[in-house]
Amino acid sequence: MMPLTLAVIGEENMIRKVSGKPEVRAHLENLGFVPGGSITVVSTMGGNLIVNVKDSRVAISREMAGKIMVQASTENQEETV
């Protein structure tokens, strides 16, 4: 597991955990950042990350991205084999 800030651009990841204060978690969940969901970093721009989540493109700050723990989908496949 790693924070979203360390994810490779263009690589699909699975959201494992969303941390932070309850209101921060609720806000991120409303945007589609839920454990078990798929997420891909599209680009980084000026300290922000542009990500694809739930068929939407969303910009989040690096600080928020640090609260989202992900695992590369290739790692998920290796664990199930």
PDB file of N, CA and C in Angstrom:
ATOM      1  N   MET A   1       0.844  -1.178   0.000  1.00  0.00           N
ATOM      2  CA  MET A   1       0.000   0.000   0.000  1.00  0.00           C
ATOM      3  C   MET A   1       0.886   1.237   0.000  1.00  0.00           C
ATOM      4  N   MET A   2       0.384   2.288  -0.659  1.00  0.00           N
ATOM      5  CA  MET A   2       1.132   3.545  -0.731  1.00  0.00           C
ATOM      6  C   MET A   2       0.142   4.693  -0.856  1.00  0.00           C
ATOM      7  N   PRO A   3       0.558   5.913  -0.518  1.00  0.00           N
ATOM      8  CA  PRO A   3      -0.334   7.053  -0.728  1.00  0.00           C
ATOM      9  C   PRO A   3      -0.494   7.316  -2.227  1.00  0.00           C
ATOM     10  N   LEU A   4      -1.619   7.853  -2.604  1.00  0.00           N
ATOM     11  CA  LEU A   4      -1.907   8.154  -4.006  1.00  0.00           C
ATOM     12  C   LEU A   4      -0.835   9.048  -4.622  1.00  0.00           C
ATOM     13  N   THR A   5      -0.188   9.871  -3.815  1.00  0.00           N
ATOM     14  CA  THR A   5       0.852  10.769  -4.324  1.00  0.00           C
ATOM     15  C   THR A   5       2.022  10.010  -4.942  1.00  0.00           C
ATOM     16  N   LEU A   6       2.210   8.736  -4.592  1.00  0.00           N
ATOM     17  CA  LEU A   6       3.312   7.934  -5.130  1.00  0.00           C
ATOM     18  C   LEU A   6       2.893   7.042  -6.295  1.00  0.00           C
ATOM     19  N   ALA A   7       1.616   7.084  -6.675  1.00  0.00           N
ATOM     20  CA  ALA A   7       1.128   6.232  -7.763  1.00  0.00           C
ATOM     21  C   ALA A   7       1.730   6.663  -9.099  1.00  0.00           C
ATOM     22  N   VAL A   8       1.949   5.686  -9.959  1.00  0.00           N
ATOM     23  CA  VAL A   8       2.501   5.935 -11.291  1.00  0.00           C
ATOM     24  C   VAL A   8       1.401   6.484 -12.196  1.00  0.00           C
ATOM     25  N   ILE A   9       1.720   7.557 -12.930  1.00  0.00           N
ATOM     26  CA  ILE A   9       0.749   8.156 -13.855  1.00  0.00           C
ATOM     27  C   ILE A   9       0.349   7.119 -14.902  1.00  0.00           C
ATOM     28  N   GLY A  10      -0.963   6.990 -15.105  1.00  0.00           N
ATOM     29  CA  GLY A  10      -1.492   6.078 -16.110  1.00  0.00           C
ATOM     30  C   GLY A  10      -1.717   4.659 -15.628  1.00  0.00           C
ATOM     31  N   GLU A  11      -1.283   4.336 -14.430  1.00  0.00           N
ATOM     32  CA  GLU A  11      -1.435   2.980 -13.898  1.00  0.00           C
ATOM     33  C   GLU A  11      -2.682   2.901 -13.032  1.00  0.00           C
ATOM     34  N   GLU A  12      -3.503   1.882 -13.265  1.00  0.00           N
ATOM     35  CA  GLU A  12      -4.727   1.717 -12.482  1.00  0.00           C
ATOM     36  C   GLU A  12      -4.388   1.203 -11.088  1.00  0.00           C
ATOM     37  N   ASN A  13      -5.043   1.779 -10.096  1.00  0.00           N
ATOM     38  CA  ASN A  13      -4.839   1.403  -8.697  1.00  0.00           C
ATOM     39  C   ASN A  13      -6.180   1.130  -8.044  1.00  0.00           C
ATOM     40  N   MET A  14      -6.137   0.399  -6.940  1.00  0.00           N
ATOM     41  CA  MET A  14      -7.345   0.172  -6.156  1.00  0.00           C
ATOM     42  C   MET A  14      -7.224   0.955  -4.857  1.00  0.00           C
ATOM     43  N   ILE A  15      -8.279   1.665  -4.512  1.00  0.00           N
ATOM     44  CA  ILE A  15      -8.302   2.415  -3.258  1.00  0.00           C
ATOM     45  C   ILE A  15      -8.449   1.414  -2.118  1.00  0.00           C
ATOM     46  N   ARG A  16      -7.532   1.482  -1.161  1.00  0.00           N
ATOM     47  CA  ARG A  16      -7.558   0.572  -0.018  1.00  0.00           C
ATOM     48  C   ARG A  16      -8.092   1.238   1.238  1.00  0.00           C
ATOM     49  N   LYS A  17      -7.772   2.525   1.429  1.00  0.00           N
ATOM     50  CA  LYS A  17      -8.152   3.199   2.672  1.00  0.00           C
ATOM     51  C   LYS A  17      -8.169   4.703   2.431  1.00  0.00           C
ATOM     52  N   VAL A  18      -9.128   5.376   3.059  1.00  0.00           N
ATOM     53  CA  VAL A  18      -9.190   6.837   3.028  1.00  0.00           C
ATOM     54  C   VAL A  18      -9.111   7.298   4.477  1.00  0.00           C
ATOM     55  N   SER A  19      -8.096   8.104   4.801  1.00  0.00           N
ATOM     56  CA  SER A  19      -7.915   8.552   6.179  1.00  0.00           C
ATOM     57  C   SER A  19      -8.192  10.043   6.294  1.00  0.00           C
ATOM     58  N   GLY A  20      -8.053  10.553   7.501  1.00  0.00           N
ATOM     59  CA  GLY A  20      -8.313  11.965   7.757  1.00  0.00           C
ATOM     60  C   GLY A  20      -9.499  12.142   8.680  1.00  0.00           C
ATOM     61  N   LYS A  21      -9.861  13.395   8.906  1.00  0.00           N
ATOM     62  CA  LYS A  21     -11.009  13.702   9.759  1.00  0.00           C
ATOM     63  C   LYS A  21     -12.287  13.181   9.100  1.00  0.00           C
ATOM     64  N   PRO A  22     -13.324  12.917   9.897  1.00  0.00           N
ATOM     65  CA  PRO A  22     -14.573  12.384   9.334  1.00  0.00           C
ATOM     66  C   PRO A  22     -15.137  13.235   8.195  1.00  0.00           C
ATOM     67  N   GLU A  23     -15.059  14.562   8.333  1.00  0.00           N
ATOM     68  CA  GLU A  23     -15.609  15.411   7.269  1.00  0.00           C
ATOM     69  C   GLU A  23     -14.773  15.337   5.990  1.00  0.00           C
ATOM     70  N   VAL A  24     -13.470  15.146   6.138  1.00  0.00           N
ATOM     71  CA  VAL A  24     -12.591  14.990   4.965  1.00  0.00           C
ATOM     72  C   VAL A  24     -12.901  13.668   4.271  1.00  0.00           C
ATOM     73  N   ARG A  25     -13.027  12.598   5.055  1.00  0.00           N
ATOM     74  CA  ARG A  25     -13.361  11.285   4.482  1.00  0.00           C
ATOM     75  C   ARG A  25     -14.707  11.326   3.776  1.00  0.00           C
ATOM     76  N   ALA A  26     -15.690  11.978   4.397  1.00  0.00           N
ATOM     77  CA  ALA A  26     -17.022  12.068   3.791  1.00  0.00           C
ATOM     78  C   ALA A  26     -16.958  12.828   2.469  1.00  0.00           C
ATOM     79  N   HIS A  27     -16.191  13.917   2.437  1.00  0.00           N
ATOM     80  CA  HIS A  27     -16.051  14.704   1.203  1.00  0.00           C
ATOM     81  C   HIS A  27     -15.412  13.861   0.100  1.00  0.00           C
ATOM     82  N   LEU A  28     -14.343  13.148   0.434  1.00  0.00           N
ATOM     83  CA  LEU A  28     -13.672  12.313  -0.561  1.00  0.00           C
ATOM     84  C   LEU A  28     -14.581  11.175  -1.032  1.00  0.00           C
ATOM     85  N   GLU A  29     -15.335  10.582  -0.117  1.00  0.00           N
ATOM     86  CA  GLU A  29     -16.262   9.513  -0.498  1.00  0.00           C
ATOM     87  C   GLU A  29     -17.349  10.034  -1.425  1.00  0.00           C
ATOM     88  N   ASN A  30     -17.819  11.261  -1.190  1.00  0.00           N
ATOM     89  CA  ASN A  30     -18.817  11.861  -2.078  1.00  0.00           C
ATOM     90  C   ASN A  30     -18.271  12.071  -3.485  1.00  0.00           C
ATOM     91  N   LEU A  31     -16.960  12.269  -3.593  1.00  0.00           N
ATOM     92  CA  LEU A  31     -16.324  12.437  -4.902  1.00  0.00           C
ATOM     93  C   LEU A  31     -16.050  11.090  -5.582  1.00  0.00           C
ATOM     94  N   GLY A  32     -16.245   9.991  -4.847  1.00  0.00           N
ATOM     95  CA  GLY A  32     -16.045   8.664  -5.422  1.00  0.00           C
ATOM     96  C   GLY A  32     -14.828   7.925  -4.922  1.00  0.00           C
ATOM     97  N   PHE A  33     -14.116   8.499  -3.959  1.00  0.00           N
ATOM     98  CA  PHE A  33     -12.923   7.854  -3.405  1.00  0.00           C
ATOM     99  C   PHE A  33     -13.343   6.904  -2.289  1.00  0.00           C
ATOM    100  N   VAL A  34     -13.724   5.685  -2.664  1.00  0.00           N
ATOM    101  CA  VAL A  34     -14.191   4.700  -1.689  1.00  0.00           C
ATOM    102  C   VAL A  34     -13.301   3.456  -1.747  1.00  0.00           C
ATOM    103  N   PRO A  35     -13.044   2.828  -0.599  1.00  0.00           N
ATOM    104  CA  PRO A  35     -12.237   1.610  -0.595  1.00  0.00           C
ATOM    105  C   PRO A  35     -12.813   0.566  -1.551  1.00  0.00           C
ATOM    106  N   GLY A  36     -11.921  -0.044  -2.316  1.00  0.00           N
ATOM    107  CA  GLY A  36     -12.337  -1.032  -3.309  1.00  0.00           C
ATOM    108  C   GLY A  36     -12.539  -0.436  -4.688  1.00  0.00           C
ATOM    109  N   GLY A  37     -12.615   0.889  -4.765  1.00  0.00           N
ATOM    110  CA  GLY A  37     -12.815   1.567  -6.040  1.00  0.00           C
ATOM    111  C   GLY A  37     -11.526   1.656  -6.841  1.00  0.00           C
ATOM    112  N   SER A  38     -11.691   1.860  -8.125  1.00  0.00           N
ATOM    113  CA  SER A  38     -10.554   1.975  -9.032  1.00  0.00           C
ATOM    114  C   SER A  38     -10.197   3.443  -9.230  1.00  0.00           C
ATOM    115  N   ILE A  39      -8.895   3.742  -9.331  1.00  0.00           N
ATOM    116  CA  ILE A  39      -8.436   5.117  -9.512  1.00  0.00           C
ATOM    117  C   ILE A  39      -7.164   5.114 -10.354  1.00  0.00           C
ATOM    118  N   THR A  40      -7.065   6.100 -11.245  1.00  0.00           N
ATOM    119  CA  THR A  40      -5.881   6.252 -12.090  1.00  0.00           C
ATOM    120  C   THR A  40      -5.439   7.702 -12.064  1.00  0.00           C
ATOM    121  N   VAL A  41      -4.168   7.949 -11.785  1.00  0.00           N
ATOM    122  CA  VAL A  41      -3.625   9.306 -11.845  1.00  0.00           C
ATOM    123  C   VAL A  41      -3.402   9.637 -13.318  1.00  0.00           C
ATOM    124  N   VAL A  42      -4.024  10.727 -13.781  1.00  0.00           N
ATOM    125  CA  VAL A  42      -3.904  11.152 -15.173  1.00  0.00           C
ATOM    126  C   VAL A  42      -2.693  12.060 -15.338  1.00  0.00           C
ATOM    127  N   SER A  43      -2.543  13.022 -14.419  1.00  0.00           N
ATOM    128  CA  SER A  43      -1.396  13.936 -14.479  1.00  0.00           C
ATOM    129  C   SER A  43      -1.247  14.661 -13.152  1.00  0.00           C
ATOM    130  N   THR A  44      -0.107  15.331 -13.004  1.00  0.00           N
ATOM    131  CA  THR A  44       0.107  16.205 -11.856  1.00  0.00           C
ATOM    132  C   THR A  44       0.335  17.600 -12.407  1.00  0.00           C
ATOM    133  N   MET A  45      -0.200  18.587 -11.698  1.00  0.00           N
ATOM    134  CA  MET A  45      -0.121  19.946 -12.203  1.00  0.00           C
ATOM    135  C   MET A  45      -0.101  20.909 -11.028  1.00  0.00           C
ATOM    136  N   GLY A  46       0.992  21.617 -10.860  1.00  0.00           N
ATOM    137  CA  GLY A  46       1.077  22.635  -9.822  1.00  0.00           C
ATOM    138  C   GLY A  46       0.776  22.146  -8.422  1.00  0.00           C
ATOM    139  N   GLY A  47       1.208  20.938  -8.090  1.00  0.00           N
ATOM    140  CA  GLY A  47       0.958  20.414  -6.754  1.00  0.00           C
ATOM    141  C   GLY A  47      -0.361  19.679  -6.625  1.00  0.00           C
ATOM    142  N   ASN A  48      -1.183  19.692  -7.665  1.00  0.00           N
ATOM    143  CA  ASN A  48      -2.452  18.970  -7.655  1.00  0.00           C
ATOM    144  C   ASN A  48      -2.343  17.706  -8.494  1.00  0.00           C
ATOM    145  N   LEU A  49      -3.213  16.751  -8.213  1.00  0.00           N
ATOM    146  CA  LEU A  49      -3.282  15.531  -9.015  1.00  0.00           C
ATOM    147  C   LEU A  49      -4.605  15.516  -9.758  1.00  0.00           C
ATOM    148  N   ILE A  50      -4.561  15.156 -11.021  1.00  0.00           N
ATOM    149  CA  ILE A  50      -5.772  14.945 -11.809  1.00  0.00           C
ATOM    150  C   ILE A  50      -5.938  13.433 -11.877  1.00  0.00           C
ATOM    151  N   VAL A  51      -7.099  12.945 -11.424  1.00  0.00           N
ATOM    152  CA  VAL A  51      -7.320  11.500 -11.375  1.00  0.00           C
ATOM    153  C   VAL A  51      -8.635  11.123 -12.034  1.00  0.00           C
ATOM    154  N   ASN A  52      -8.698   9.904 -12.528  1.00  0.00           N
ATOM    155  CA  ASN A  52      -9.950   9.320 -12.998  1.00  0.00           C
ATOM    156  C   ASN A  52     -10.467   8.434 -11.882  1.00  0.00           C
ATOM    157  N   VAL A  53     -11.674   8.728 -11.431  1.00  0.00           N
ATOM    158  CA  VAL A  53     -12.312   7.927 -10.399  1.00  0.00           C
ATOM    159  C   VAL A  53     -13.804   7.872 -10.710  1.00  0.00           C
ATOM    160  N   LYS A  54     -14.373   6.676 -10.712  1.00  0.00           N
ATOM    161  CA  LYS A  54     -15.802   6.482 -11.001  1.00  0.00           C
ATOM    162  C   LYS A  54     -16.220   7.179 -12.293  1.00  0.00           C
ATOM    163  N   ASP A  55     -15.487   6.976 -13.369  1.00  0.00           N
ATOM    164  CA  ASP A  55     -15.793   7.548 -14.686  1.00  0.00           C
ATOM    165  C   ASP A  55     -15.820   9.064 -14.701  1.00  0.00           C
ATOM    166  N   SER A  56     -15.167   9.700 -13.748  1.00  0.00           N
ATOM    167  CA  SER A  56     -15.074  11.162 -13.698  1.00  0.00           C
ATOM    168  C   SER A  56     -13.616  11.555 -13.536  1.00  0.00           C
ATOM    169  N   ARG A  57     -13.296  12.739 -14.020  1.00  0.00           N
ATOM    170  CA  ARG A  57     -11.946  13.279 -13.831  1.00  0.00           C
ATOM    171  C   ARG A  57     -12.031  14.318 -12.721  1.00  0.00           C
ATOM    172  N   VAL A  58     -11.205  14.157 -11.690  1.00  0.00           N
ATOM    173  CA  VAL A  58     -11.264  15.008 -10.505  1.00  0.00           C
ATOM    174  C   VAL A  58      -9.866  15.536 -10.198  1.00  0.00           C
ATOM    175  N   ALA A  59      -9.787  16.805  -9.806  1.00  0.00           N
ATOM    176  CA  ALA A  59      -8.518  17.398  -9.360  1.00  0.00           C
ATOM    177  C   ALA A  59      -8.539  17.453  -7.839  1.00  0.00           C
ATOM    178  N   ILE A  60      -7.475  16.952  -7.220  1.00  0.00           N
ATOM    179  CA  ILE A  60      -7.358  17.023  -5.763  1.00  0.00           C
ATOM    180  C   ILE A  60      -5.963  17.512  -5.398  1.00  0.00           C
ATOM    181  N   SER A  61      -5.870  18.118  -4.234  1.00  0.00           N
ATOM    182  CA  SER A  61      -4.576  18.629  -3.774  1.00  0.00           C
ATOM    183  C   SER A  61      -3.673  17.464  -3.374  1.00  0.00           C
ATOM    184  N   ARG A  62      -2.385  17.723  -3.369  1.00  0.00           N
ATOM    185  CA  ARG A  62      -1.413  16.711  -2.945  1.00  0.00           C
ATOM    186  C   ARG A  62      -1.689  16.308  -1.490  1.00  0.00           C
ATOM    187  N   GLU A  63      -2.115  17.268  -0.674  1.00  0.00           N
ATOM    188  CA  GLU A  63      -2.433  16.978   0.730  1.00  0.00           C
ATOM    189  C   GLU A  63      -3.576  15.964   0.830  1.00  0.00           C
ATOM    190  N   MET A  64      -4.650  16.181   0.052  1.00  0.00           N
ATOM    191  CA  MET A  64      -5.785  15.243   0.051  1.00  0.00           C
ATOM    192  C   MET A  64      -5.352  13.891  -0.497  1.00  0.00           C
ATOM    193  N   ALA A  65      -4.546  13.911  -1.562  1.00  0.00           N
ATOM    194  CA  ALA A  65      -4.095  12.662  -2.180  1.00  0.00           C
ATOM    195  C   ALA A  65      -3.275  11.829  -1.195  1.00  0.00           C
ATOM    196  N   GLY A  66      -2.578  12.487  -0.285  1.00  0.00           N
ATOM    197  CA  GLY A  66      -1.794  11.777   0.718  1.00  0.00           C
ATOM    198  C   GLY A  66      -2.652  11.016   1.713  1.00  0.00           C
ATOM    199  N   LYS A  67      -3.934  11.341   1.789  1.00  0.00           N
ATOM    200  CA  LYS A  67      -4.853  10.662   2.708  1.00  0.00           C
ATOM    201  C   LYS A  67      -5.495   9.431   2.072  1.00  0.00           C
ATOM    202  N   ILE A  68      -5.240   9.229   0.773  1.00  0.00           N
ATOM    203  CA  ILE A  68      -5.835   8.108   0.043  1.00  0.00           C
ATOM    204  C   ILE A  68      -4.756   7.054  -0.186  1.00  0.00           C
ATOM    205  N   MET A  69      -4.947   5.894   0.431  1.00  0.00           N
ATOM    206  CA  MET A  69      -3.987   4.797   0.290  1.00  0.00           C
ATOM    207  C   MET A  69      -4.467   3.871  -0.823  1.00  0.00           C
ATOM    208  N   VAL A  70      -3.546   3.549  -1.738  1.00  0.00           N
ATOM    209  CA  VAL A  70      -3.897   2.726  -2.892  1.00  0.00           C
ATOM    210  C   VAL A  70      -2.929   1.558  -3.024  1.00  0.00           C
ATOM    211  N   GLN A  71      -3.319   0.626  -3.872  1.00  0.00           N
ATOM    212  CA  GLN A  71      -2.463  -0.499  -4.213  1.00  0.00           C
ATOM    213  C   GLN A  71      -2.567  -0.685  -5.717  1.00  0.00           C
ATOM    214  N   ALA A  72      -1.437  -0.855  -6.380  1.00  0.00           N
ATOM    215  CA  ALA A  72      -1.430  -1.043  -7.833  1.00  0.00           C
ATOM    216  C   ALA A  72      -2.235  -2.285  -8.190  1.00  0.00           C
ATOM    217  N   SER A  73      -3.027  -2.198  -9.246  1.00  0.00           N
ATOM    218  CA  SER A  73      -3.860  -3.329  -9.666  1.00  0.00           C
ATOM    219  C   SER A  73      -3.024  -4.550  -9.997  1.00  0.00           C
ATOM    220  N   THR A  74      -1.803  -4.355 -10.512  1.00  0.00           N
ATOM    221  CA  THR A  74      -0.939  -5.501 -10.815  1.00  0.00           C
ATOM    222  C   THR A  74      -0.571  -6.246  -9.538  1.00  0.00           C
ATOM    223  N   GLU A  75      -0.403  -5.520  -8.423  1.00  0.00           N
ATOM    224  CA  GLU A  75      -0.131  -6.165  -7.132  1.00  0.00           C
ATOM    225  C   GLU A  75      -1.337  -6.962  -6.680  1.00  0.00           C
ATOM    226  N   ASN A  76      -2.551  -6.416  -6.923  1.00  0.00           N
ATOM    227  CA  ASN A  76      -3.774  -7.117  -6.533  1.00  0.00           C
ATOM    228  C   ASN A  76      -3.867  -8.451  -7.258  1.00  0.00           C
ATOM    229  N   GLN A  77      -3.521  -8.470  -8.553  1.00  0.00           N
ATOM    230  CA  GLN A  77      -3.598  -9.697  -9.332  1.00  0.00           C
ATOM    231  C   GLN A  77      -2.584 -10.717  -8.834  1.00  0.00           C
ATOM    232  N   GLU A  78      -1.382 -10.262  -8.481  1.00  0.00           N
ATOM    233  CA  GLU A  78      -0.356 -11.173  -7.997  1.00  0.00           C
ATOM    234  C   GLU A  78      -0.760 -11.820  -6.677  1.00  0.00           C
ATOM    235  N   GLU A  79      -1.465 -11.066  -5.820  1.00  0.00           N
ATOM    236  CA  GLU A  79      -1.874 -11.600  -4.521  1.00  0.00           C
ATOM    237  C   GLU A  79      -2.930 -12.678  -4.656  1.00  0.00           C
ATOM    238  N   THR A  80      -3.779 -12.600  -5.698  1.00  0.00           N
ATOM    239  CA  THR A  80      -4.870 -13.552  -5.848  1.00  0.00           C
ATOM    240  C   THR A  80      -4.433 -14.820  -6.566  1.00  0.00           C
ATOM    241  N   VAL A  81      -3.230 -14.837  -7.132  1.00  0.00           N
ATOM    242  CA  VAL A  81      -2.748 -16.012  -7.880  1.00  0.00           C
ATOM    243  C   VAL A  81      -2.174 -17.035  -6.935  1.00  0.00           C
TER     244      VAL A  81
END
